[in-house]
Amino acid sequence: MAKQYDVAVIGAGAAGMMCAAVAAQRGKRVVLIDHAAKLAEKIRISGGGRCNFTNINAGPANFLSENPHFAKSALSRYTPQDFLALVKKHRIGYHEKHRGQLFCDDSAEQIIQMLKEECAEGAVTWRMPCQVGAVDNTSEGFLIATDTGDILADSLVIASGGLSIPKIGATDFGYKIATQFGLNIIEPRPGLVPLTFDGPSWEAYAPLSGIALEVEVETGSGKGKGAKRGHFREDLLFTHRGLSGPAILQISSYWQPGTPIVLNLLPDMDVAQVLIEGKGTIKKQLGNVLSQWLPVRLAEGLLLANGFELDARLADMPDAKLRKLGDAINRWAIVPTGSEGYRKAEVTLGGVDTRELSQQSMMANKVPGLYFIGEAVDVTGWLGGYNFQWAWASGVAAGLAVGE
């Protein structure tokens, strides 16, 4: 005999635990299922182990989706202040780090424990580790076959996440269920991920690994249907294989293969203008001039990559060559050959097409009682706590809906 519940939630991560707790505290019999032996590993490793659990500035503009208005409802009904109230209720110390990012003072473990306690308050039943087999929609409800026995539930919430960081158990389970029930999937791809370069265009920059600086970065035209233009000012890091750091992770979600990203390595200066104006008074070599503003290795690397001799004197340079050098620093356009993939991606772009879901409840329009929340859905936040806020907000939206 299948064990009966009002709600089955598959995926005990941020969104799944939040949804289960909200539904259970409204009197529903809830079972929370996860295949992992260790709970909420993605929360545990986030924010360097301190969990960047939200961003006080989070709003719809900080999210990408093929259907950009979808996230507005859930985000407006459960805000960063609402989650902060929960954090304070559990007496978890926190601090703001950078541009509204909130972190635990001590450990991400506190957020996991908080969610466990919220689930306990509603007497949520746990099944983990538990492998899910077939899922069928029957006249009596959703029949879920698992290796710990069958489950029958009136409502089924899929909170199984995306494909990022497979080593901690990411799978395509949510997409398979969506496809089984006839829902469209926006093709998933890695998001918030380092970008890679190879071939001759990168040879000159490969030795610059380890250099970091604040830059402006942009990509995309912002024109035409579905076009997305990203623009950020954040730190950039040169790596052995390409570029990383917050600036690159942010822009990676907007970048389309085959298109350039444009970097401004000195965003507060018109380099060509300063160099041309300084020709009459500055007697230094060009490398020494650039090294006043850029790390020495980067200044030298840029000169060599753009055909300048390291001992070239500023005073001897024609204006046209200085404009070329200025462009290489203020408008360096370079085409990534790829990314570090799901292995290093913090999130998954794409997922269940939100046009298939109710923006109020997260329920599939075609399949009453079936819900998708969190990273499984085609809503992806910026770096800096935004994706957790989507997990909380979408989890609460579905938790309230199944709790009615």
Protein backbone atom coordinates (compact mmCIF):
# COMPACT_ATOMS: atom_id res chain seq x y z
CA MET A 1 0.00 0.00 0.00
CA ALA A 2 1.23 3.47 -0.88
CA LYS A 3 1.71 5.86 2.04
CA GLN A 4 -0.66 8.80 1.62
CA TYR A 5 0.21 12.49 1.95
CA ASP A 6 -1.36 15.78 0.94
CA VAL A 7 1.90 17.05 -0.56
CA ALA A 8 5.08 15.36 -1.78
CA VAL A 9 8.09 17.61 -2.37
CA ILE A 10 10.97 16.11 -4.37
CA GLY A 11 14.24 17.91 -3.64
CA ALA A 12 15.28 18.97 -0.14
CA GLY A 13 17.32 22.03 -1.09
CA ALA A 14 16.54 25.68 -0.39
CA ALA A 15 13.27 25.84 -2.37
CA GLY A 16 12.08 22.36 -1.38
CA MET A 17 12.57 22.79 2.36
CA MET A 18 10.96 26.23 2.29
CA CYS A 19 7.92 24.91 0.41
CA ALA A 20 7.57 21.85 2.67
CA ALA A 21 7.77 23.98 5.84
CA VAL A 22 5.16 26.50 4.63
CA ALA A 23 2.69 23.81 3.49
CA ALA A 24 3.16 21.70 6.63
CA GLN A 25 2.69 24.66 8.97
CA ARG A 26 -0.67 25.24 7.25
CA GLY A 27 -1.79 21.79 8.37
CA LYS A 28 -0.90 19.70 5.32
CA ARG A 29 0.67 16.23 5.60
CA VAL A 30 3.96 16.74 3.76
CA VAL A 31 6.69 14.29 2.76
CA LEU A 32 10.07 15.69 1.66
CA ILE A 33 12.12 13.37 -0.58
CA ASP A 34 15.77 13.66 -1.61
CA HIS A 35 18.24 11.23 -3.19
CA ALA A 36 21.26 12.66 -1.36
CA ALA A 37 22.58 11.25 1.89
CA LYS A 38 23.76 14.71 3.01
CA LEU A 39 21.17 17.47 3.30
CA ALA A 40 21.33 20.72 1.30
CA GLU A 41 24.93 20.50 0.16
CA LYS A 42 24.47 23.48 -2.18
CA ILE A 43 23.47 25.69 0.77
CA ARG A 44 26.39 24.32 2.78
CA ILE A 45 29.08 25.25 0.21
CA SER A 46 27.54 28.59 -0.82
CA GLY A 47 29.16 31.90 0.00
CA GLY A 48 32.43 30.24 0.99
CA GLY A 49 30.58 28.23 3.63
CA ARG A 50 28.71 31.23 5.05
CA CYS A 51 25.71 31.17 2.70
CA ASN A 52 24.92 34.40 0.88
CA PHE A 53 21.27 33.77 1.74
CA THR A 54 19.67 36.80 0.08
CA ASN A 55 20.29 40.26 -1.32
CA ILE A 56 18.42 43.19 0.23
CA ASN A 57 18.14 44.76 -3.25
CA ALA A 58 16.59 41.70 -4.92
CA GLY A 59 13.87 42.56 -7.43
CA PRO A 60 12.62 41.31 -10.81
CA ALA A 61 15.31 43.29 -12.69
CA ASN A 62 17.99 41.02 -11.16
CA PHE A 63 16.65 37.88 -12.85
CA LEU A 64 16.87 36.36 -16.34
CA SER A 65 14.06 34.38 -17.96
CA GLU A 66 12.60 33.91 -21.43
CA ASN A 67 9.42 35.23 -19.75
CA PRO A 68 10.84 38.16 -17.73
CA HIS A 69 7.61 39.20 -15.96
CA PHE A 70 6.97 35.75 -14.47
CA ALA A 71 9.07 36.19 -11.32
CA LYS A 72 7.42 39.46 -10.27
CA SER A 73 4.49 37.91 -8.39
CA ALA A 74 6.44 35.52 -6.15
CA LEU A 75 9.25 38.02 -5.51
CA SER A 76 6.83 40.76 -4.50
CA ARG A 77 4.91 38.48 -2.13
CA TYR A 78 7.99 37.12 -0.35
CA THR A 79 10.76 39.70 -0.09
CA PRO A 80 14.31 39.71 1.30
CA GLN A 81 12.86 41.43 4.41
CA ASP A 82 10.51 38.49 4.90
CA PHE A 83 13.39 36.02 4.82
CA LEU A 84 15.42 38.27 7.10
CA ALA A 85 12.59 38.14 9.63
CA LEU A 86 12.93 34.34 9.63
CA VAL A 87 16.70 34.58 10.10
CA LYS A 88 16.19 36.95 13.05
CA LYS A 89 13.50 34.68 14.55
CA HIS A 90 16.12 31.90 14.65
CA ARG A 91 18.70 34.32 16.11
CA ILE A 92 21.20 33.80 13.29
CA GLY A 93 23.88 36.51 13.15
CA TYR A 94 24.42 38.03 9.70
CA HIS A 95 26.26 40.85 7.95
CA GLU A 96 26.09 42.77 4.68
CA LYS A 97 29.21 42.27 2.62
CA HIS A 98 28.97 43.98 -0.76
CA ARG A 99 26.10 45.55 -2.72
CA GLY A 100 23.34 44.20 -0.52
CA GLN A 101 24.70 40.65 -0.15
CA LEU A 102 23.78 39.13 3.22
CA PHE A 103 25.88 36.33 4.78
CA CYS A 104 25.75 34.33 8.00
CA ASP A 105 28.31 35.51 10.57
CA ASP A 106 29.18 31.90 11.41
CA SER A 107 28.14 29.15 9.02
CA ALA A 108 25.76 28.13 6.23
CA GLU A 109 24.89 25.21 8.52
CA GLN A 110 22.71 27.67 10.49
CA ILE A 111 20.44 28.25 7.48
CA ILE A 112 20.10 24.48 6.95
CA GLN A 113 19.29 23.99 10.63
CA MET A 114 16.75 26.84 10.48
CA LEU A 115 14.94 25.22 7.55
CA LYS A 116 14.99 21.84 9.31
CA GLU A 117 13.42 23.41 12.39
CA GLU A 118 10.75 25.12 10.27
CA CYS A 119 9.95 21.73 8.70
CA ALA A 120 9.85 20.10 12.15
CA GLU A 121 7.36 22.74 13.31
CA GLY A 122 4.94 21.42 10.68
CA ALA A 123 5.87 17.74 11.31
CA VAL A 124 7.24 17.19 7.79
CA THR A 125 8.09 13.52 7.07
CA TRP A 126 11.58 12.99 5.63
CA ARG A 127 12.65 10.37 3.15
CA MET A 128 16.36 10.61 2.44
CA PRO A 129 18.40 9.14 0.96
CA CYS A 130 15.53 7.97 -1.23
CA GLN A 131 15.62 7.19 -4.95
CA VAL A 132 12.52 8.08 -6.96
CA GLY A 133 11.54 5.82 -9.85
CA ALA A 134 8.33 6.26 -11.83
CA VAL A 135 5.91 9.12 -11.19
CA ASP A 136 2.32 8.65 -12.38
CA ASN A 137 -0.72 10.91 -12.27
CA THR A 138 -3.62 8.66 -11.23
CA SER A 139 -7.26 9.30 -10.40
CA GLU A 140 -6.29 9.15 -6.71
CA GLY A 141 -3.32 11.50 -6.96
CA PHE A 142 0.37 11.38 -7.86
CA LEU A 143 1.81 7.88 -7.36
CA ILE A 144 5.55 8.07 -6.70
CA ALA A 145 7.53 4.83 -6.72
CA THR A 146 10.63 5.00 -4.50
CA ASP A 147 13.17 2.55 -3.12
CA THR A 148 11.68 3.15 0.36
CA GLY A 149 8.10 2.37 -0.69
CA ASP A 150 5.37 3.97 -2.79
CA ILE A 151 3.91 7.39 -1.99
CA LEU A 152 0.51 8.76 -3.01
CA ALA A 153 0.08 12.55 -2.84
CA ASP A 154 -2.63 15.01 -3.88
CA SER A 155 0.02 17.58 -4.88
CA LEU A 156 3.55 17.06 -6.18
CA VAL A 157 6.20 19.80 -5.99
CA ILE A 158 9.40 19.39 -8.01
CA ALA A 159 12.28 21.24 -6.34
CA SER A 160 15.12 19.10 -7.67
CA GLY A 161 17.29 21.97 -8.94
CA GLY A 162 19.32 22.24 -12.12
CA LEU A 163 22.49 20.70 -13.56
CA SER A 164 25.14 22.86 -11.88
CA ILE A 165 27.80 21.23 -9.67
CA PRO A 166 27.14 17.56 -10.53
CA LYS A 167 29.65 16.36 -7.92
CA ILE A 168 27.16 17.26 -5.17
CA GLY A 169 24.33 15.38 -6.84
CA ALA A 170 22.78 17.65 -9.48
CA THR A 171 20.59 15.75 -11.97
CA ASP A 172 18.10 16.40 -14.77
CA PHE A 173 15.24 14.81 -12.79
CA GLY A 174 13.06 17.92 -12.85
CA TYR A 175 13.36 18.31 -16.61
CA LYS A 176 12.46 14.64 -17.14
CA ILE A 177 9.29 15.00 -15.05
CA ALA A 178 8.34 18.19 -16.89
CA THR A 179 8.87 16.49 -20.26
CA GLN A 180 6.89 13.42 -19.13
CA PHE A 181 3.91 15.68 -18.40
CA GLY A 182 4.20 17.55 -21.70
CA LEU A 183 5.74 20.79 -20.43
CA ASN A 184 8.20 22.75 -22.57
CA ILE A 185 11.82 23.12 -21.43
CA ILE A 186 13.99 26.17 -22.16
CA GLU A 187 17.31 24.56 -23.06
CA PRO A 188 19.49 24.49 -19.92
CA ARG A 189 23.03 25.86 -19.94
CA PRO A 190 25.61 26.79 -17.30
CA GLY A 191 25.18 30.20 -15.63
CA LEU A 192 27.39 32.24 -13.29
CA VAL A 193 30.38 30.38 -14.71
CA PRO A 194 34.01 31.24 -15.63
CA LEU A 195 34.59 31.77 -19.36
CA THR A 196 37.37 30.01 -21.28
CA PHE A 197 39.51 31.01 -24.26
CA ASP A 198 41.90 29.03 -26.39
CA GLY A 199 43.91 29.40 -29.56
CA PRO A 200 46.12 32.28 -30.71
CA SER A 201 43.83 35.02 -29.40
CA TRP A 202 44.55 33.97 -25.80
CA GLU A 203 48.27 33.07 -25.97
CA ALA A 204 49.44 36.53 -24.95
CA TYR A 205 47.13 36.57 -21.91
CA ALA A 206 47.69 33.05 -20.55
CA PRO A 207 50.73 34.19 -18.47
CA LEU A 208 48.57 36.77 -16.66
CA SER A 209 46.90 34.13 -14.44
CA GLY A 210 46.27 35.39 -10.91
CA ILE A 211 45.88 39.09 -11.77
CA ALA A 212 42.69 40.67 -10.41
CA LEU A 213 41.21 44.16 -10.89
CA GLU A 214 37.86 45.95 -10.98
CA VAL A 215 36.47 46.34 -14.50
CA GLU A 216 33.32 47.08 -16.41
CA VAL A 217 32.08 44.26 -18.63
CA GLU A 218 29.22 44.07 -21.08
CA THR A 219 27.78 41.79 -23.73
CA GLY A 220 24.70 41.55 -25.95
CA SER A 221 23.04 44.06 -28.20
CA GLY A 222 19.85 44.61 -26.26
CA LYS A 223 18.08 44.76 -29.64
CA GLY A 224 15.52 42.41 -31.14
CA LYS A 225 13.16 39.86 -29.65
CA GLY A 226 14.58 38.07 -26.62
CA ALA A 227 17.89 39.97 -26.74
CA LYS A 228 19.53 40.42 -23.38
CA ARG A 229 22.20 43.02 -22.68
CA GLY A 230 24.27 42.66 -19.55
CA HIS A 231 26.49 45.34 -18.01
CA PHE A 232 28.35 45.01 -14.70
CA ARG A 233 31.13 46.68 -12.74
CA GLU A 234 32.84 44.01 -10.63
CA ASP A 235 36.18 42.31 -10.04
CA LEU A 236 37.84 40.34 -12.85
CA LEU A 237 40.32 37.48 -12.37
CA PHE A 238 42.67 36.11 -15.02
CA THR A 239 43.01 32.30 -14.84
CA HIS A 240 45.13 29.73 -16.69
CA ARG A 241 42.19 28.91 -18.97
CA GLY A 242 40.48 32.28 -19.29
CA LEU A 243 38.62 34.79 -17.14
CA SER A 244 36.72 34.48 -13.87
CA GLY A 245 35.77 36.61 -10.86
CA PRO A 246 32.37 38.20 -10.13
CA ALA A 247 32.42 40.35 -13.30
CA ILE A 248 32.73 37.29 -15.54
CA LEU A 249 30.32 35.11 -13.56
CA GLN A 250 27.70 37.87 -13.89
CA ILE A 251 28.21 38.45 -17.61
CA SER A 252 28.33 34.70 -18.38
CA SER A 253 24.57 34.48 -17.84
CA TYR A 254 24.04 37.04 -20.63
CA TRP A 255 26.78 35.83 -22.98
CA GLN A 256 25.79 33.91 -26.12
CA PRO A 257 28.36 31.54 -27.74
CA GLY A 258 30.16 33.13 -30.69
CA THR A 259 29.63 36.71 -29.46
CA PRO A 260 32.21 38.96 -27.78
CA ILE A 261 32.34 40.30 -24.27
CA VAL A 262 33.68 43.86 -23.99
CA LEU A 263 35.95 44.75 -21.06
CA ASN A 264 36.88 48.20 -19.80
CA LEU A 265 40.01 47.62 -17.70
CA LEU A 266 40.18 51.27 -16.56
CA PRO A 267 36.53 52.36 -16.32
CA ASP A 268 37.28 55.74 -14.74
CA MET A 269 39.74 56.91 -17.40
CA ASP A 270 39.79 57.66 -21.13
CA VAL A 271 43.19 56.03 -21.66
CA ALA A 272 43.82 57.32 -25.20
CA GLN A 273 43.02 60.89 -24.21
CA VAL A 274 45.28 60.83 -21.13
CA LEU A 275 48.17 59.29 -23.10
CA ILE A 276 47.86 61.73 -26.01
CA GLU A 277 47.66 64.72 -23.66
CA GLY A 278 50.70 63.45 -21.74
CA LYS A 279 53.00 63.06 -24.75
CA GLY A 280 54.50 66.53 -24.37
CA THR A 281 55.28 66.29 -20.64
CA ILE A 282 55.76 62.59 -19.74
CA LYS A 283 59.23 61.26 -20.60
CA LYS A 284 58.61 57.69 -19.37
CA GLN A 285 58.38 54.45 -21.28
CA LEU A 286 54.83 53.45 -22.16
CA GLY A 287 54.98 50.39 -19.89
CA ASN A 288 55.90 52.53 -16.88
CA VAL A 289 53.04 54.91 -17.60
CA LEU A 290 50.45 52.10 -17.80
CA SER A 291 51.88 50.47 -14.66
CA GLN A 292 50.72 53.50 -12.67
CA TRP A 293 47.13 52.41 -13.32
CA LEU A 294 47.30 48.67 -14.01
CA PRO A 295 49.18 45.73 -12.45
CA VAL A 296 52.68 45.63 -13.99
CA ARG A 297 52.25 42.18 -15.57
CA LEU A 298 48.94 43.21 -17.11
CA ALA A 299 50.36 46.49 -18.47
CA GLU A 300 53.25 44.61 -20.11
CA GLY A 301 50.95 41.84 -21.38
CA LEU A 302 48.61 44.34 -23.02
CA LEU A 303 51.49 46.15 -24.72
CA LEU A 304 52.94 42.91 -26.14
CA ALA A 305 49.50 41.62 -27.22
CA ASN A 306 48.87 44.84 -29.13
CA GLY A 307 52.23 44.99 -30.91
CA PHE A 308 54.07 47.54 -28.74
CA GLU A 309 57.68 47.19 -27.60
CA LEU A 310 58.09 47.20 -23.83
CA ASP A 311 60.71 49.97 -23.98
CA ALA A 312 58.63 52.19 -26.33
CA ARG A 313 58.58 55.80 -25.12
CA LEU A 314 55.24 57.58 -24.83
CA ALA A 315 56.64 60.74 -26.45
CA ASP A 316 57.58 58.79 -29.61
CA MET A 317 54.12 57.25 -30.18
CA PRO A 318 51.82 58.52 -32.95
CA ASP A 319 48.33 59.48 -31.75
CA ALA A 320 46.75 56.74 -33.91
CA LYS A 321 48.73 54.02 -32.09
CA LEU A 322 47.82 55.48 -28.71
CA ARG A 323 44.14 55.46 -29.70
CA LYS A 324 44.52 51.79 -30.64
CA LEU A 325 46.07 51.08 -27.23
CA GLY A 326 43.32 53.08 -25.50
CA ASP A 327 40.69 50.95 -27.28
CA ALA A 328 42.49 47.77 -26.21
CA ILE A 329 42.17 48.88 -22.57
CA ASN A 330 38.81 50.72 -22.52
CA ARG A 331 37.01 48.57 -25.11
CA TRP A 332 38.73 45.19 -25.18
CA ALA A 333 36.40 42.95 -27.20
CA ILE A 334 37.18 39.24 -26.99
CA VAL A 335 35.16 36.16 -27.94
CA PRO A 336 35.14 33.33 -25.37
CA THR A 337 35.40 29.85 -26.86
CA GLY A 338 33.33 28.35 -24.07
CA SER A 339 32.83 28.13 -20.33
CA GLU A 340 33.98 25.88 -17.49
CA GLY A 341 30.59 24.16 -17.77
CA TYR A 342 28.29 22.77 -15.09
CA ARG A 343 31.29 21.60 -13.07
CA LYS A 344 32.07 25.20 -12.08
CA ALA A 345 28.68 26.86 -12.77
CA GLU A 346 26.89 28.22 -9.72
CA VAL A 347 23.46 27.96 -11.37
CA THR A 348 21.64 26.57 -14.39
CA LEU A 349 20.07 28.92 -16.92
CA GLY A 350 16.87 27.71 -18.61
CA GLY A 351 14.68 24.92 -17.27
CA VAL A 352 10.92 24.50 -17.11
CA ASP A 353 9.33 27.12 -19.37
CA THR A 354 7.55 29.57 -17.04
CA ARG A 355 4.81 30.11 -19.65
CA GLU A 356 3.69 26.61 -18.61
CA LEU A 357 3.24 27.68 -14.97
CA SER A 358 0.99 29.93 -12.90
CA GLN A 359 3.04 32.88 -11.66
CA GLN A 360 0.92 33.02 -8.48
CA SER A 361 1.17 29.35 -7.46
CA MET A 362 3.97 27.83 -9.62
CA MET A 363 1.50 25.09 -10.67
CA ALA A 364 1.63 23.63 -14.18
CA ASN A 365 -1.33 24.99 -16.13
CA LYS A 366 -1.86 21.65 -17.93
CA VAL A 367 -1.42 19.40 -14.88
CA PRO A 368 -3.41 20.41 -11.78
CA GLY A 369 -1.49 19.57 -8.60
CA LEU A 370 1.98 19.55 -10.21
CA TYR A 371 4.33 22.40 -9.22
CA PHE A 372 7.89 23.42 -10.16
CA ILE A 373 10.00 25.76 -8.02
CA GLY A 374 13.56 27.02 -7.53
CA GLU A 375 16.36 26.36 -9.98
CA ALA A 376 14.34 23.78 -11.96
CA VAL A 377 12.40 26.72 -13.41
CA ASP A 378 13.61 29.14 -16.11
CA VAL A 379 14.32 31.97 -13.65
CA THR A 380 17.98 32.72 -12.91
CA GLY A 381 19.30 35.43 -10.61
CA TRP A 382 22.46 37.47 -10.62
CA LEU A 383 25.42 36.53 -8.45
CA GLY A 384 25.05 37.72 -4.86
CA GLY A 385 22.16 36.03 -3.04
CA TYR A 386 19.52 36.53 -5.71
CA ASN A 387 19.10 32.84 -6.55
CA PHE A 388 18.46 32.00 -2.91
CA GLN A 389 15.80 34.71 -2.82
CA TRP A 390 14.11 33.07 -5.82
CA ALA A 391 14.28 29.71 -4.02
CA TRP A 392 12.60 31.18 -0.92
CA ALA A 393 10.00 33.17 -2.88
CA SER A 394 9.01 30.39 -5.29
CA GLY A 395 9.00 27.86 -2.43
CA VAL A 396 6.66 30.04 -0.38
CA ALA A 397 4.37 30.65 -3.40
CA ALA A 398 3.94 26.90 -3.97
CA GLY A 399 3.79 26.15 -0.23
CA LEU A 400 0.90 28.59 0.21
CA ALA A 401 -0.88 27.28 -2.89
CA VAL A 402 -0.77 23.61 -1.84
CA GLY A 403 -1.64 24.66 1.70
CA GLU A 404 -5.00 26.14 0.69
